[in-house]
Amino acid sequence: MAKVSSFEKNAKRARLIKKYAKKRADLKVKIKDSKISDEERFAAVLELEALPKNSSKVRYRNRCRLTGRPRGNYRLFGLSRIAFRELASEGQIPGIVKSSW
């Protein structure tokens, strides 16, 4: 089980991403626009840098919903490979059947 602080940190990042998503997208469009002046573009870059670092999407970490494991996650189920295997073996995940041949 992961530490509670890592869950909270990731949850905080998710909130910040949601809060600043529109502003970040607008600034990025403004930065890439070649029609505006260099001064305006530079001002947009500075404004983007002033936003919290944790509001960037790349800082968010996919974690297992049960254990909090940060690696080996299946996005479709939101579980790590270990938790997925345990639940699938117990028959807890609908539609998943252990293969045999």
C-alpha atoms as a PDB file:
ATOM      1  CA  MET A   1       0.000   0.000   0.000  1.00  0.00           C
ATOM      2  CA  ALA A   2       1.339   3.395  -0.973  1.00  0.00           C
ATOM      3  CA  LYS A   3       1.694   6.192   1.524  1.00  0.00           C
ATOM      4  CA  VAL A   4      -1.335   8.409   2.037  1.00  0.00           C
ATOM      5  CA  SER A   5       0.791  11.445   1.199  1.00  0.00           C
ATOM      6  CA  SER A   6       1.400  10.125  -2.326  1.00  0.00           C
ATOM      7  CA  PHE A   7      -2.364   9.719  -2.843  1.00  0.00           C
ATOM      8  CA  GLU A   8      -2.973  13.250  -1.561  1.00  0.00           C
ATOM      9  CA  LYS A   9      -0.191  14.726  -3.680  1.00  0.00           C
ATOM     10  CA  ASN A  10      -1.620  13.090  -6.790  1.00  0.00           C
ATOM     11  CA  ALA A  11      -5.143  14.252  -5.918  1.00  0.00           C
ATOM     12  CA  LYS A  12      -3.866  17.809  -5.493  1.00  0.00           C
ATOM     13  CA  ARG A  13      -2.212  17.599  -8.902  1.00  0.00           C
ATOM     14  CA  ALA A  14      -5.476  16.405 -10.447  1.00  0.00           C
ATOM     15  CA  ARG A  15      -7.329  19.374  -8.942  1.00  0.00           C
ATOM     16  CA  LEU A  16      -4.706  21.845 -10.206  1.00  0.00           C
ATOM     17  CA  ILE A  17      -4.731  20.308 -13.682  1.00  0.00           C
ATOM     18  CA  LYS A  18      -8.486  20.696 -13.857  1.00  0.00           C
ATOM     19  CA  LYS A  19      -8.374  24.245 -12.486  1.00  0.00           C
ATOM     20  CA  TYR A  20      -5.713  25.588 -14.889  1.00  0.00           C
ATOM     21  CA  ALA A  21      -6.412  23.471 -17.992  1.00  0.00           C
ATOM     22  CA  LYS A  22      -8.218  26.193 -19.949  1.00  0.00           C
ATOM     23  CA  LYS A  23      -5.688  28.881 -19.067  1.00  0.00           C
ATOM     24  CA  ARG A  24      -2.730  26.652 -19.994  1.00  0.00           C
ATOM     25  CA  ALA A  25      -4.330  25.697 -23.315  1.00  0.00           C
ATOM     26  CA  ASP A  26      -5.036  29.335 -24.203  1.00  0.00           C
ATOM     27  CA  LEU A  27      -1.477  30.380 -23.378  1.00  0.00           C
ATOM     28  CA  LYS A  28       0.001  27.525 -25.420  1.00  0.00           C
ATOM     29  CA  VAL A  29      -2.106  28.524 -28.440  1.00  0.00           C
ATOM     30  CA  LYS A  30      -0.944  32.101 -27.991  1.00  0.00           C
ATOM     31  CA  ILE A  31       2.719  31.023 -27.791  1.00  0.00           C
ATOM     32  CA  LYS A  32       2.489  28.943 -30.980  1.00  0.00           C
ATOM     33  CA  ASP A  33       0.678  31.684 -32.927  1.00  0.00           C
ATOM     34  CA  SER A  34       3.205  33.267 -35.291  1.00  0.00           C
ATOM     35  CA  LYS A  35       0.912  36.167 -36.172  1.00  0.00           C
ATOM     36  CA  ILE A  36       1.281  37.950 -32.831  1.00  0.00           C
ATOM     37  CA  SER A  37       4.335  39.989 -31.883  1.00  0.00           C
ATOM     38  CA  ASP A  38       7.361  38.547 -30.140  1.00  0.00           C
ATOM     39  CA  GLU A  39       6.723  40.677 -27.048  1.00  0.00           C
ATOM     40  CA  GLU A  40       3.215  39.295 -26.629  1.00  0.00           C
ATOM     41  CA  ARG A  41       4.484  35.759 -27.129  1.00  0.00           C
ATOM     42  CA  PHE A  42       7.237  36.268 -24.582  1.00  0.00           C
ATOM     43  CA  ALA A  43       4.690  37.676 -22.115  1.00  0.00           C
ATOM     44  CA  ALA A  44       2.568  34.544 -22.642  1.00  0.00           C
ATOM     45  CA  VAL A  45       5.619  32.342 -21.965  1.00  0.00           C
ATOM     46  CA  LEU A  46       6.287  34.207 -18.714  1.00  0.00           C
ATOM     47  CA  GLU A  47       2.643  33.886 -17.713  1.00  0.00           C
ATOM     48  CA  LEU A  48       2.722  30.142 -18.427  1.00  0.00           C
ATOM     49  CA  GLU A  49       5.867  29.767 -16.322  1.00  0.00           C
ATOM     50  CA  ALA A  50       4.170  31.616 -13.458  1.00  0.00           C
ATOM     51  CA  LEU A  51       1.461  28.936 -13.212  1.00  0.00           C
ATOM     52  CA  PRO A  52       2.015  26.144 -10.658  1.00  0.00           C
ATOM     53  CA  LYS A  53       4.224  23.329 -11.947  1.00  0.00           C
ATOM     54  CA  ASN A  54       1.774  20.746 -10.642  1.00  0.00           C
ATOM     55  CA  SER A  55      -0.908  22.107 -12.972  1.00  0.00           C
ATOM     56  CA  SER A  56       0.865  20.459 -15.899  1.00  0.00           C
ATOM     57  CA  LYS A  57      -0.645  17.172 -17.140  1.00  0.00           C
ATOM     58  CA  VAL A  58       2.686  15.382 -17.277  1.00  0.00           C
ATOM     59  CA  ARG A  59       3.092  15.665 -13.493  1.00  0.00           C
ATOM     60  CA  TYR A  60       0.013  13.488 -12.837  1.00  0.00           C
ATOM     61  CA  ARG A  61       0.763   9.846 -12.043  1.00  0.00           C
ATOM     62  CA  ASN A  62      -1.583   6.938 -12.794  1.00  0.00           C
ATOM     63  CA  ARG A  63      -1.908   4.847  -9.645  1.00  0.00           C
ATOM     64  CA  CYS A  64      -3.701   1.642  -8.697  1.00  0.00           C
ATOM     65  CA  ARG A  65      -7.028   2.416  -7.023  1.00  0.00           C
ATOM     66  CA  LEU A  66      -6.582  -0.368  -4.484  1.00  0.00           C
ATOM     67  CA  THR A  67      -2.914  -0.357  -3.592  1.00  0.00           C
ATOM     68  CA  GLY A  68      -1.620   2.940  -4.922  1.00  0.00           C
ATOM     69  CA  ARG A  69       1.139   1.204  -6.878  1.00  0.00           C
ATOM     70  CA  PRO A  70       2.524   3.703  -9.412  1.00  0.00           C
ATOM     71  CA  ARG A  71       3.834   1.229 -11.988  1.00  0.00           C
ATOM     72  CA  GLY A  72       2.301  -1.522 -14.084  1.00  0.00           C
ATOM     73  CA  ASN A  73      -1.219  -0.105 -14.290  1.00  0.00           C
ATOM     74  CA  TYR A  74      -4.009  -1.015 -16.661  1.00  0.00           C
ATOM     75  CA  ARG A  75      -5.796   2.225 -17.544  1.00  0.00           C
ATOM     76  CA  LEU A  76      -9.014   0.453 -18.495  1.00  0.00           C
ATOM     77  CA  PHE A  77      -9.412  -1.010 -15.004  1.00  0.00           C
ATOM     78  CA  GLY A  78      -7.421   1.483 -12.927  1.00  0.00           C
ATOM     79  CA  LEU A  79      -5.582  -1.389 -11.255  1.00  0.00           C
ATOM     80  CA  SER A  80      -1.988  -2.499 -11.069  1.00  0.00           C
ATOM     81  CA  ARG A  81      -1.021  -5.770 -12.704  1.00  0.00           C
ATOM     82  CA  ILE A  82      -0.768  -7.478  -9.307  1.00  0.00           C
ATOM     83  CA  ALA A  83      -4.161  -6.322  -8.019  1.00  0.00           C
ATOM     84  CA  PHE A  84      -5.712  -7.097 -11.408  1.00  0.00           C
ATOM     85  CA  ARG A  85      -4.413 -10.663 -11.344  1.00  0.00           C
ATOM     86  CA  GLU A  86      -5.668 -11.280  -7.805  1.00  0.00           C
ATOM     87  CA  LEU A  87      -9.144  -9.912  -8.524  1.00  0.00           C
ATOM     88  CA  ALA A  88      -9.377 -11.709 -11.876  1.00  0.00           C
ATOM     89  CA  SER A  89      -8.407 -15.030 -10.273  1.00  0.00           C
ATOM     90  CA  GLU A  90     -11.133 -14.562  -7.658  1.00  0.00           C
ATOM     91  CA  GLY A  91     -13.676 -13.733 -10.374  1.00  0.00           C
ATOM     92  CA  GLN A  92     -14.253 -10.205  -9.041  1.00  0.00           C
ATOM     93  CA  ILE A  93     -13.819  -8.456 -12.411  1.00  0.00           C
ATOM     94  CA  PRO A  94     -16.795  -9.011 -14.752  1.00  0.00           C
ATOM     95  CA  GLY A  95     -15.940 -10.352 -18.196  1.00  0.00           C
ATOM     96  CA  ILE A  96     -12.419 -11.469 -17.297  1.00  0.00           C
ATOM     97  CA  VAL A  97     -11.792 -15.199 -17.475  1.00  0.00           C
ATOM     98  CA  LYS A  98      -8.553 -17.004 -16.801  1.00  0.00           C
ATOM     99  CA  SER A  99      -7.246 -18.490 -20.007  1.00  0.00           C
ATOM    100  CA  SER A 100      -6.630 -22.199 -20.368  1.00  0.00           C
ATOM    101  CA  TRP A 101      -5.671 -24.298 -23.375  1.00  0.00           C
END
